[in-house]
Protein backbone atom coordinates (compact mmCIF):
# COMPACT_ATOMS: atom_id res chain seq x y z
CA MET A 1 100.53 100.36 68.48
CA SER A 2 103.37 100.97 69.88
CA ALA A 3 106.46 101.72 67.88
CA LEU A 4 109.52 100.70 67.99
CA VAL A 5 112.21 101.86 69.65
CA PRO A 6 116.60 101.01 68.86
CA ALA A 7 117.17 99.23 71.95
CA ASP A 8 120.13 101.47 72.38
CA ARG A 9 117.96 104.44 72.65
CA VAL A 10 115.74 102.92 74.81
CA GLU A 11 118.20 102.48 77.52
CA GLN A 12 119.89 105.50 77.60
CA ILE A 13 115.70 107.39 77.58
CA VAL A 14 115.51 104.91 80.53
CA GLY A 15 118.70 105.16 82.04
CA VAL A 16 118.99 102.26 83.64
CA GLY A 17 120.61 98.41 82.30
CA ARG A 18 118.43 95.68 80.38
CA HIS A 19 117.63 93.37 83.63
CA ARG A 20 117.35 89.39 83.11
CA GLN A 21 113.26 89.22 83.86
CA ALA A 22 112.28 92.83 85.29
CA HIS A 23 110.77 95.53 82.63
CA TYR A 24 111.55 98.81 83.66
CA GLY A 25 110.56 102.19 82.27
CA ARG A 26 110.04 106.39 81.69
CA ALA A 27 107.26 108.48 81.46
CA VAL A 28 108.76 111.21 79.46
CA SER A 29 106.11 114.26 80.44
CA ALA A 30 107.51 116.98 77.82
CA GLU A 31 107.50 113.81 75.36
CA GLN A 32 104.07 112.86 76.62
CA THR A 33 105.74 109.55 75.44
CA VAL A 34 106.20 106.22 77.65
CA TYR A 35 109.12 104.00 77.14
CA ILE A 36 109.62 100.62 77.82
CA LEU A 37 113.11 98.94 78.12
CA HIS A 38 112.44 94.93 77.91
CA SER A 39 114.04 92.32 80.15
CA GLN A 40 116.69 90.14 78.61
CA ARG A 41 114.27 87.57 79.06
CA CYS A 42 111.80 88.84 76.27
CA LEU A 43 113.76 90.49 73.88
CA ASP A 44 112.86 87.78 71.07
CA ASP A 45 109.30 88.57 70.84
CA LEU A 46 108.64 92.54 71.70
CA ARG A 47 105.47 93.13 69.56
CA ASN A 48 103.47 89.92 71.86
CA CYS A 49 105.18 91.21 75.45
CA ARG A 50 102.44 92.23 78.65
CA PHE A 51 104.03 95.00 78.84
CA SER A 52 103.46 96.17 75.22
CA ARG A 53 100.67 94.44 74.71
CA ALA A 54 99.65 97.48 78.17
CA LEU A 55 100.90 100.24 77.17
CA ASP A 56 98.71 99.90 73.21
CA GLY A 57 96.21 99.73 75.39
CA GLY A 58 97.22 103.17 77.16
CA ILE A 59 98.00 104.12 80.39
CA ASP A 60 96.37 105.53 83.44
CA ARG A 61 97.75 108.54 84.15
CA GLN A 62 96.84 108.53 87.49
CA SER A 63 98.25 105.83 87.94
CA TRP A 64 101.87 107.78 86.59
CA ALA A 65 101.36 110.45 88.69
CA GLY A 66 104.72 110.44 90.93
CA TYR A 67 107.20 108.62 88.74
CA GLU A 68 107.17 111.01 85.82
CA ASP A 69 110.78 111.26 84.20
CA GLN A 70 112.23 108.94 86.78
CA ALA A 71 112.93 104.95 85.78
CA VAL A 72 110.81 102.45 87.61
CA ALA A 73 109.88 98.95 87.86
CA LEU A 74 106.65 98.11 85.93
CA GLY A 75 103.43 96.00 86.39
CA VAL A 76 100.62 95.18 84.63
CA TRP A 77 97.51 96.29 86.36
CA GLN A 78 93.96 95.44 85.28
CA GLU A 79 95.47 94.95 81.22
CA ARG A 80 97.44 98.56 81.07
CA LEU A 81 100.91 99.42 82.06
CA VAL A 82 101.99 100.53 85.19
CA PRO A 83 104.78 101.37 87.75
CA LEU A 84 105.33 100.25 90.72
CA ALA A 85 105.22 101.64 93.27
CA GLY A 86 108.25 102.39 95.34
CA THR A 87 110.32 101.01 92.64
CA LYS A 88 112.23 104.02 91.73
CA VAL A 89 115.08 102.49 90.55
CA ALA A 90 119.00 103.89 90.38
CA GLU A 91 119.74 105.29 87.64
CA ALA A 92 122.91 104.98 85.33
CA SER A 93 123.70 101.28 86.52
CA LEU A 94 123.86 100.76 81.97
CA ASP A 95 126.07 98.01 82.72
CA GLY A 96 123.52 95.55 83.10
CA ALA A 97 123.44 94.09 85.29
CA PRO A 98 119.73 92.67 87.78
């Protein structure tokens, strides 16, 4: 089971503000850890979120190649957490705007 990390810390690590619907994340290579910044719609039940369940199942390292250490939009493919191709997110958008 993935560890719960305080929301403000995850926002700081991922480097973007929380979106109403989209999930963002960052794979921190130095820690070998993927952080998920859940959408506002998802905050009531993080454990049952499909993105949390996908991360609990592990990641496919090949799908993350070239996406480490940057904020990306997230998706779920074959029950695995994946970065959505071409979705590098502008960092320092911490105002919470979608």
